[in-house]
Amino acid sequence: LRHDAGEVLHRARIIARVARAEGCRVILASSGLLPSFPAAVLAGALARLPVVLQMFDHWRLQSTDRLGRRLGDVLEPSILRSAAAVTVPNEVL
């Protein structure tokens, strides 16, 4: 898995293009690989759509390498603040 801006930008462009083409009114993203949330938030900005993040786990800890975890730690606060809403399945998250 690449942890670079190019991967996030690539995913964001695809998400934004599909959201516009399908007439979406919101982008919903589930926690998963490290680029998932940053790409969704960027796609929302590109498509001018609100983004709802669904956290089923600790997103910032999904990476198995130190760089990925550090990026998650650094990015998570701004990513979560950028979302229109964040949903979680329990009080621990």
Protein backbone atom coordinates (compact mmCIF):
# COMPACT_ATOMS: atom_id res chain seq x y z
CA LEU A 1 0.00 0.00 0.00
CA ARG A 2 1.34 3.40 -0.95
CA HIS A 3 1.02 6.16 1.64
CA ASP A 4 1.45 9.08 -0.66
CA ALA A 5 -0.59 12.02 -1.79
CA GLY A 6 -0.77 10.59 -5.31
CA GLU A 7 -2.76 7.58 -4.14
CA VAL A 8 -5.19 9.75 -2.17
CA LEU A 9 -5.60 12.15 -5.09
CA HIS A 10 -6.17 9.28 -7.55
CA ARG A 11 -8.88 7.75 -5.37
CA ALA A 12 -10.47 11.14 -4.65
CA ARG A 13 -10.78 11.98 -8.34
CA ILE A 14 -12.47 8.66 -9.06
CA ILE A 15 -14.89 9.03 -6.15
CA ALA A 16 -15.74 12.63 -7.10
CA ARG A 17 -16.26 11.72 -10.77
CA VAL A 18 -18.59 8.83 -9.91
CA ALA A 19 -20.48 10.88 -7.31
CA ARG A 20 -21.10 13.68 -9.83
CA ALA A 21 -22.06 11.26 -12.62
CA GLU A 22 -24.52 9.41 -10.38
CA GLY A 23 -26.05 12.57 -8.93
CA CYS A 24 -25.07 11.70 -5.38
CA ARG A 25 -25.97 14.11 -2.59
CA VAL A 26 -23.50 12.76 -0.02
CA ILE A 27 -20.34 10.64 0.06
CA LEU A 28 -20.32 7.86 2.64
CA ALA A 29 -16.97 6.29 3.49
CA SER A 30 -16.22 3.36 5.80
CA SER A 31 -13.00 2.96 7.70
CA GLY A 32 -10.52 0.74 5.96
CA LEU A 33 -7.16 1.25 4.33
CA LEU A 34 -5.27 4.42 5.17
CA PRO A 35 -6.15 6.36 1.97
CA SER A 36 -9.90 5.75 2.34
CA PHE A 37 -10.87 8.64 4.63
CA PRO A 38 -8.53 11.30 3.19
CA ALA A 39 -9.66 10.36 -0.33
CA ALA A 40 -13.34 10.59 0.65
CA VAL A 41 -12.89 14.00 2.28
CA LEU A 42 -10.96 15.31 -0.72
CA ALA A 43 -13.58 13.84 -3.09
CA GLY A 44 -16.27 15.64 -1.13
CA ALA A 45 -14.41 18.93 -1.59
CA LEU A 46 -13.91 18.27 -5.31
CA ALA A 47 -17.56 17.32 -5.87
CA ARG A 48 -18.87 19.89 -3.36
CA LEU A 49 -20.66 17.21 -1.39
CA PRO A 50 -20.85 16.50 2.34
CA VAL A 51 -18.94 13.47 3.58
CA VAL A 52 -20.11 11.06 6.26
CA LEU A 53 -17.45 8.81 7.77
CA GLN A 54 -18.39 5.44 9.28
CA MET A 55 -15.77 4.27 11.76
CA PHE A 56 -16.04 0.56 12.51
CA ASP A 57 -12.52 0.45 13.91
CA HIS A 58 -9.63 2.74 14.76
CA TRP A 59 -8.90 3.98 11.24
CA ARG A 60 -5.53 5.49 12.14
CA LEU A 61 -4.29 2.08 13.33
CA GLN A 62 -5.14 0.13 10.16
CA SER A 63 -1.69 0.46 8.64
CA THR A 64 0.81 -2.24 9.54
CA ASP A 65 3.89 -0.06 9.14
CA ARG A 66 5.20 2.81 11.26
CA LEU A 67 4.90 5.45 8.53
CA GLY A 68 1.27 4.58 7.91
CA ARG A 69 0.40 4.69 11.60
CA ARG A 70 2.20 8.00 12.02
CA LEU A 71 0.32 9.45 9.05
CA GLY A 72 -2.93 8.21 10.53
CA ASP A 73 -2.11 9.85 13.87
CA VAL A 74 -1.30 13.15 12.17
CA LEU A 75 -4.22 13.16 9.72
CA GLU A 76 -7.07 11.80 11.80
CA PRO A 77 -8.02 14.98 13.69
CA SER A 78 -8.33 17.10 10.54
CA ILE A 79 -10.03 14.29 8.59
CA LEU A 80 -12.69 13.87 11.27
CA ARG A 81 -13.26 17.63 11.56
CA SER A 82 -13.70 17.84 7.78
CA ALA A 83 -16.59 15.37 7.77
CA ALA A 84 -20.19 16.49 7.88
CA ALA A 85 -20.80 13.61 10.32
CA VAL A 86 -18.98 10.65 11.84
CA THR A 87 -20.81 7.50 12.92
CA VAL A 88 -19.46 4.85 15.27
CA PRO A 89 -20.96 1.54 16.46
CA ASN A 90 -20.04 1.94 20.13
CA GLU A 91 -18.86 4.37 22.78
CA VAL A 92 -15.23 3.17 22.62
CA LEU A 93 -14.71 4.72 19.20
